[in-house]
Amino acid sequence: MLHMNILLVNFVNDQFAELNEFLNTQGYRVYSAENDLEAVQILNNTHMDEVVVHFTKIMNIGLINYMNHNFSDIRVLLVTNNYVEQAISVIKSTACEIIHEPFTLTTFRHALEN
């Protein structure tokens, strides 16, 4: 049986145990990361076919961005909650102005003046 590697990120013990058991029966070799930093370390050292991220806080977007730029061949599944979906929706729908980092004082001043 051909094994595919899958990384589960940010899952708590009960969730992980259930997913791990199921994925093992489906022929997956399961890896686990308790946080985004651990996930990056695993991704940099082990070939992954798929990644499932329990997207629980807006900060997890850094991991998603990292994978998008460095591992675009990996299939990524996001498991999210209403809070994160609402946060993304609010940011998209507000009239907030955004300054991207890194920024200069000139850029900052210009944004304040407009």
N, C-alpha and C. Protein backbone atom coordinates (compact mmCIF):
# COMPACT_ATOMS: atom_id res chain seq x y z
N MET A 1 0.84 -1.18 0.00
CA MET A 1 0.00 0.00 0.00
C MET A 1 0.89 1.24 0.00
N LEU A 2 0.58 2.15 -0.91
CA LEU A 2 1.32 3.39 -1.01
C LEU A 2 0.87 4.36 0.07
N HIS A 3 1.80 4.83 0.86
CA HIS A 3 1.47 5.77 1.92
C HIS A 3 1.60 7.20 1.43
N MET A 4 0.66 8.01 1.82
CA MET A 4 0.75 9.45 1.58
C MET A 4 0.97 10.10 2.94
N ASN A 5 1.81 11.12 2.96
CA ASN A 5 2.08 11.84 4.20
C ASN A 5 1.08 12.97 4.37
N ILE A 6 0.54 13.08 5.58
CA ILE A 6 -0.39 14.15 5.88
C ILE A 6 0.00 14.77 7.22
N LEU A 7 -0.04 16.08 7.29
CA LEU A 7 0.31 16.82 8.50
C LEU A 7 -0.95 17.44 9.08
N LEU A 8 -1.23 17.16 10.34
CA LEU A 8 -2.34 17.77 11.07
C LEU A 8 -1.78 18.85 11.97
N VAL A 9 -2.30 20.06 11.85
CA VAL A 9 -1.76 21.21 12.59
C VAL A 9 -2.82 21.79 13.52
N ASN A 10 -2.45 22.01 14.77
CA ASN A 10 -3.27 22.68 15.78
C ASN A 10 -4.50 21.89 16.23
N PHE A 11 -4.44 20.59 16.19
CA PHE A 11 -5.56 19.78 16.66
C PHE A 11 -5.32 19.35 18.10
N VAL A 12 -6.37 19.39 18.92
CA VAL A 12 -6.27 18.96 20.31
C VAL A 12 -6.31 17.43 20.37
N ASN A 13 -5.95 16.89 21.51
CA ASN A 13 -5.75 15.44 21.66
C ASN A 13 -6.91 14.59 21.16
N ASP A 14 -8.13 14.90 21.58
CA ASP A 14 -9.28 14.08 21.18
C ASP A 14 -9.50 14.13 19.67
N GLN A 15 -9.45 15.33 19.13
CA GLN A 15 -9.63 15.48 17.68
C GLN A 15 -8.52 14.76 16.94
N PHE A 16 -7.29 14.95 17.41
CA PHE A 16 -6.15 14.33 16.74
C PHE A 16 -6.27 12.82 16.77
N ALA A 17 -6.62 12.25 17.91
CA ALA A 17 -6.70 10.80 18.04
C ALA A 17 -7.72 10.21 17.06
N GLU A 18 -8.87 10.86 16.95
CA GLU A 18 -9.90 10.38 16.05
C GLU A 18 -9.46 10.49 14.59
N LEU A 19 -8.90 11.64 14.21
CA LEU A 19 -8.43 11.83 12.84
C LEU A 19 -7.27 10.89 12.52
N ASN A 20 -6.36 10.73 13.46
CA ASN A 20 -5.20 9.86 13.27
C ASN A 20 -5.66 8.42 13.00
N GLU A 21 -6.59 7.95 13.79
CA GLU A 21 -7.09 6.58 13.61
C GLU A 21 -7.73 6.42 12.24
N PHE A 22 -8.58 7.37 11.86
CA PHE A 22 -9.24 7.30 10.56
C PHE A 22 -8.22 7.35 9.42
N LEU A 23 -7.30 8.31 9.48
CA LEU A 23 -6.33 8.49 8.40
C LEU A 23 -5.41 7.27 8.25
N ASN A 24 -5.05 6.64 9.36
CA ASN A 24 -4.24 5.42 9.30
C ASN A 24 -4.97 4.32 8.54
N THR A 25 -6.29 4.21 8.73
CA THR A 25 -7.05 3.19 8.01
C THR A 25 -7.16 3.51 6.53
N GLN A 26 -6.93 4.78 6.16
CA GLN A 26 -7.00 5.20 4.76
C GLN A 26 -5.65 5.17 4.07
N GLY A 27 -4.62 4.70 4.78
CA GLY A 27 -3.30 4.56 4.17
C GLY A 27 -2.40 5.77 4.31
N TYR A 28 -2.76 6.70 5.17
CA TYR A 28 -1.92 7.88 5.38
C TYR A 28 -0.89 7.63 6.47
N ARG A 29 0.27 8.25 6.32
CA ARG A 29 1.26 8.34 7.40
C ARG A 29 1.04 9.71 8.00
N VAL A 30 0.62 9.75 9.26
CA VAL A 30 0.17 10.98 9.90
C VAL A 30 1.28 11.62 10.72
N TYR A 31 1.46 12.91 10.51
CA TYR A 31 2.37 13.73 11.30
C TYR A 31 1.52 14.77 12.02
N SER A 32 2.03 15.25 13.14
CA SER A 32 1.27 16.21 13.93
C SER A 32 2.15 17.37 14.36
N ALA A 33 1.58 18.58 14.30
CA ALA A 33 2.25 19.78 14.80
C ALA A 33 1.28 20.49 15.74
N GLU A 34 1.76 20.83 16.92
CA GLU A 34 0.91 21.50 17.89
C GLU A 34 0.73 22.98 17.60
N ASN A 35 1.63 23.54 16.77
CA ASN A 35 1.54 24.97 16.46
C ASN A 35 2.15 25.23 15.08
N ASP A 36 2.03 26.46 14.63
CA ASP A 36 2.49 26.82 13.29
C ASP A 36 4.00 26.66 13.12
N LEU A 37 4.77 27.03 14.14
CA LEU A 37 6.23 26.92 14.06
C LEU A 37 6.66 25.46 13.90
N GLU A 38 6.07 24.59 14.67
CA GLU A 38 6.37 23.17 14.56
C GLU A 38 5.98 22.65 13.17
N ALA A 39 4.88 23.16 12.63
CA ALA A 39 4.44 22.76 11.29
C ALA A 39 5.47 23.15 10.24
N VAL A 40 6.00 24.36 10.34
CA VAL A 40 7.02 24.83 9.40
C VAL A 40 8.26 23.94 9.47
N GLN A 41 8.67 23.58 10.68
CA GLN A 41 9.84 22.71 10.84
C GLN A 41 9.61 21.35 10.17
N ILE A 42 8.42 20.79 10.36
CA ILE A 42 8.11 19.50 9.74
C ILE A 42 8.07 19.64 8.22
N LEU A 43 7.42 20.68 7.73
CA LEU A 43 7.33 20.90 6.29
C LEU A 43 8.70 21.04 5.65
N ASN A 44 9.63 21.69 6.34
CA ASN A 44 10.97 21.90 5.80
C ASN A 44 11.82 20.64 5.82
N ASN A 45 11.41 19.63 6.60
CA ASN A 45 12.24 18.43 6.75
C ASN A 45 11.60 17.15 6.24
N THR A 46 10.31 17.16 5.95
CA THR A 46 9.62 15.94 5.55
C THR A 46 8.67 16.25 4.41
N HIS A 47 8.70 15.42 3.37
CA HIS A 47 7.77 15.61 2.26
C HIS A 47 6.34 15.37 2.73
N MET A 48 5.46 16.30 2.43
CA MET A 48 4.05 16.16 2.76
C MET A 48 3.23 16.19 1.47
N ASP A 49 2.21 15.35 1.44
CA ASP A 49 1.27 15.35 0.32
C ASP A 49 0.08 16.26 0.62
N GLU A 50 -0.32 16.29 1.89
CA GLU A 50 -1.47 17.07 2.31
C GLU A 50 -1.23 17.65 3.70
N VAL A 51 -1.86 18.79 3.95
CA VAL A 51 -1.80 19.43 5.27
C VAL A 51 -3.22 19.83 5.65
N VAL A 52 -3.60 19.51 6.89
CA VAL A 52 -4.89 19.93 7.42
C VAL A 52 -4.60 20.87 8.59
N VAL A 53 -5.04 22.11 8.48
CA VAL A 53 -4.79 23.12 9.50
C VAL A 53 -6.09 23.44 10.22
N HIS A 54 -6.07 23.27 11.54
CA HIS A 54 -7.18 23.74 12.36
C HIS A 54 -6.95 25.23 12.53
N PHE A 55 -7.61 25.99 11.70
CA PHE A 55 -7.41 27.44 11.57
C PHE A 55 -8.23 28.13 12.65
N THR A 56 -7.63 28.29 13.83
CA THR A 56 -8.38 28.75 15.00
C THR A 56 -8.20 30.22 15.32
N LYS A 57 -7.19 30.82 14.77
CA LYS A 57 -6.97 32.24 15.05
C LYS A 57 -6.37 32.89 13.82
N ILE A 58 -6.60 34.16 13.71
CA ILE A 58 -6.18 34.89 12.52
C ILE A 58 -4.66 34.81 12.32
N MET A 59 -3.91 34.59 13.40
CA MET A 59 -2.45 34.47 13.27
C MET A 59 -2.04 33.27 12.43
N ASN A 60 -2.90 32.26 12.32
CA ASN A 60 -2.57 31.09 11.51
C ASN A 60 -2.40 31.45 10.03
N ILE A 61 -2.81 32.65 9.64
CA ILE A 61 -2.67 33.05 8.24
C ILE A 61 -1.20 33.06 7.82
N GLY A 62 -0.29 33.27 8.76
CA GLY A 62 1.14 33.23 8.45
C GLY A 62 1.56 31.86 7.93
N LEU A 63 1.06 30.82 8.55
CA LEU A 63 1.38 29.46 8.10
C LEU A 63 0.79 29.21 6.72
N ILE A 64 -0.44 29.64 6.51
CA ILE A 64 -1.08 29.45 5.21
C ILE A 64 -0.29 30.19 4.13
N ASN A 65 0.12 31.40 4.41
CA ASN A 65 0.91 32.19 3.47
C ASN A 65 2.26 31.51 3.19
N TYR A 66 2.90 31.00 4.23
CA TYR A 66 4.19 30.32 4.08
C TYR A 66 4.05 29.10 3.16
N MET A 67 3.01 28.31 3.41
CA MET A 67 2.81 27.12 2.58
C MET A 67 2.49 27.52 1.14
N ASN A 68 1.69 28.56 0.95
CA ASN A 68 1.33 29.02 -0.38
C ASN A 68 2.57 29.43 -1.18
N HIS A 69 3.53 30.07 -0.52
CA HIS A 69 4.72 30.54 -1.23
C HIS A 69 5.80 29.47 -1.37
N ASN A 70 5.87 28.53 -0.44
CA ASN A 70 6.98 27.58 -0.44
C ASN A 70 6.58 26.14 -0.78
N PHE A 71 5.32 25.81 -0.64
CA PHE A 71 4.87 24.44 -0.87
C PHE A 71 3.55 24.44 -1.65
N SER A 72 3.53 25.12 -2.77
CA SER A 72 2.28 25.27 -3.53
C SER A 72 1.77 23.94 -4.09
N ASP A 73 2.61 22.91 -4.09
CA ASP A 73 2.19 21.61 -4.60
C ASP A 73 1.46 20.78 -3.56
N ILE A 74 1.43 21.24 -2.31
CA ILE A 74 0.77 20.49 -1.24
C ILE A 74 -0.70 20.91 -1.17
N ARG A 75 -1.56 19.92 -1.11
CA ARG A 75 -2.99 20.20 -0.92
C ARG A 75 -3.21 20.59 0.53
N VAL A 76 -3.91 21.72 0.74
CA VAL A 76 -4.15 22.23 2.09
C VAL A 76 -5.66 22.28 2.35
N LEU A 77 -6.06 21.72 3.47
CA LEU A 77 -7.44 21.76 3.91
C LEU A 77 -7.50 22.57 5.19
N LEU A 78 -8.37 23.58 5.25
CA LEU A 78 -8.53 24.40 6.44
C LEU A 78 -9.79 23.99 7.17
N VAL A 79 -9.65 23.74 8.46
CA VAL A 79 -10.79 23.50 9.33
C VAL A 79 -10.90 24.75 10.18
N THR A 80 -12.02 25.46 10.06
CA THR A 80 -12.12 26.75 10.72
C THR A 80 -13.39 26.83 11.56
N ASN A 81 -13.52 27.95 12.24
CA ASN A 81 -14.71 28.19 13.05
C ASN A 81 -15.32 29.52 12.64
N ASN A 82 -16.48 29.81 13.19
CA ASN A 82 -17.18 31.04 12.82
C ASN A 82 -16.39 32.29 13.16
N TYR A 83 -15.64 32.27 14.26
CA TYR A 83 -14.88 33.45 14.67
C TYR A 83 -13.90 33.86 13.58
N VAL A 84 -13.14 32.92 13.08
CA VAL A 84 -12.14 33.23 12.06
C VAL A 84 -12.82 33.68 10.78
N GLU A 85 -13.88 33.00 10.38
CA GLU A 85 -14.59 33.40 9.17
C GLU A 85 -15.15 34.81 9.32
N GLN A 86 -15.68 35.12 10.49
CA GLN A 86 -16.21 36.46 10.73
C GLN A 86 -15.10 37.50 10.71
N ALA A 87 -13.95 37.17 11.30
CA ALA A 87 -12.82 38.11 11.33
C ALA A 87 -12.36 38.44 9.91
N ILE A 88 -12.26 37.43 9.08
CA ILE A 88 -11.84 37.66 7.69
C ILE A 88 -12.89 38.49 6.96
N SER A 89 -14.14 38.17 7.17
CA SER A 89 -15.23 38.90 6.54
C SER A 89 -15.25 40.36 6.98
N VAL A 90 -15.06 40.61 8.27
CA VAL A 90 -15.05 41.98 8.80
C VAL A 90 -13.92 42.79 8.18
N ILE A 91 -12.74 42.20 8.13
CA ILE A 91 -11.59 42.91 7.56
C ILE A 91 -11.86 43.26 6.10
N LYS A 92 -12.43 42.33 5.34
CA LYS A 92 -12.71 42.58 3.93
C LYS A 92 -13.76 43.65 3.73
N SER A 93 -14.73 43.74 4.65
CA SER A 93 -15.87 44.62 4.42
C SER A 93 -15.75 45.99 5.09
N THR A 94 -14.70 46.22 5.84
CA THR A 94 -14.58 47.50 6.53
C THR A 94 -13.95 48.55 5.63
N ALA A 95 -14.04 49.78 6.10
CA ALA A 95 -13.41 50.88 5.39
C ALA A 95 -12.01 51.16 5.95
N CYS A 96 -11.47 50.21 6.65
CA CYS A 96 -10.13 50.38 7.22
C CYS A 96 -9.11 50.57 6.11
N GLU A 97 -8.19 51.45 6.36
CA GLU A 97 -7.06 51.58 5.45
C GLU A 97 -5.96 50.66 5.95
N ILE A 98 -5.21 50.12 5.03
CA ILE A 98 -4.17 49.16 5.40
C ILE A 98 -2.82 49.70 4.96
N ILE A 99 -1.86 49.63 5.85
CA ILE A 99 -0.47 49.94 5.54
C ILE A 99 0.29 48.63 5.64
N HIS A 100 1.00 48.30 4.59
CA HIS A 100 1.73 47.04 4.58
C HIS A 100 3.13 47.20 5.15
N GLU A 101 3.54 46.23 5.92
CA GLU A 101 4.91 46.22 6.44
C GLU A 101 5.83 45.63 5.39
N PRO A 102 7.06 46.00 5.36
CA PRO A 102 7.64 47.11 6.13
C PRO A 102 7.17 48.44 5.53
N PHE A 103 7.02 49.42 6.38
CA PHE A 103 6.59 50.73 5.91
C PHE A 103 7.57 51.78 6.41
N THR A 104 7.59 52.89 5.70
CA THR A 104 8.45 54.00 6.09
C THR A 104 7.61 55.04 6.83
N LEU A 105 8.27 55.95 7.51
CA LEU A 105 7.55 57.04 8.17
C LEU A 105 6.84 57.92 7.14
N THR A 106 7.42 58.04 5.97
CA THR A 106 6.78 58.81 4.90
C THR A 106 5.45 58.16 4.50
N THR A 107 5.46 56.86 4.34
CA THR A 107 4.24 56.12 4.01
C THR A 107 3.21 56.29 5.12
N PHE A 108 3.66 56.18 6.36
CA PHE A 108 2.76 56.32 7.51
C PHE A 108 2.16 57.72 7.55
N ARG A 109 3.01 58.72 7.40
CA ARG A 109 2.55 60.11 7.42
C ARG A 109 1.55 60.37 6.30
N HIS A 110 1.84 59.86 5.13
CA HIS A 110 0.95 60.03 3.98
C HIS A 110 -0.42 59.41 4.26
N ALA A 111 -0.44 58.25 4.87
CA ALA A 111 -1.71 57.60 5.20
C ALA A 111 -2.50 58.42 6.22
N LEU A 112 -1.82 59.00 7.18
CA LEU A 112 -2.51 59.82 8.18
C LEU A 112 -3.06 61.11 7.59
N GLU A 113 -2.37 61.67 6.63
CA GLU A 113 -2.76 62.95 6.04
C GLU A 113 -3.94 62.80 5.07
N ASN A 114 -4.14 61.62 4.54
CA ASN A 114 -5.22 61.42 3.57
C ASN A 114 -6.52 61.02 4.21
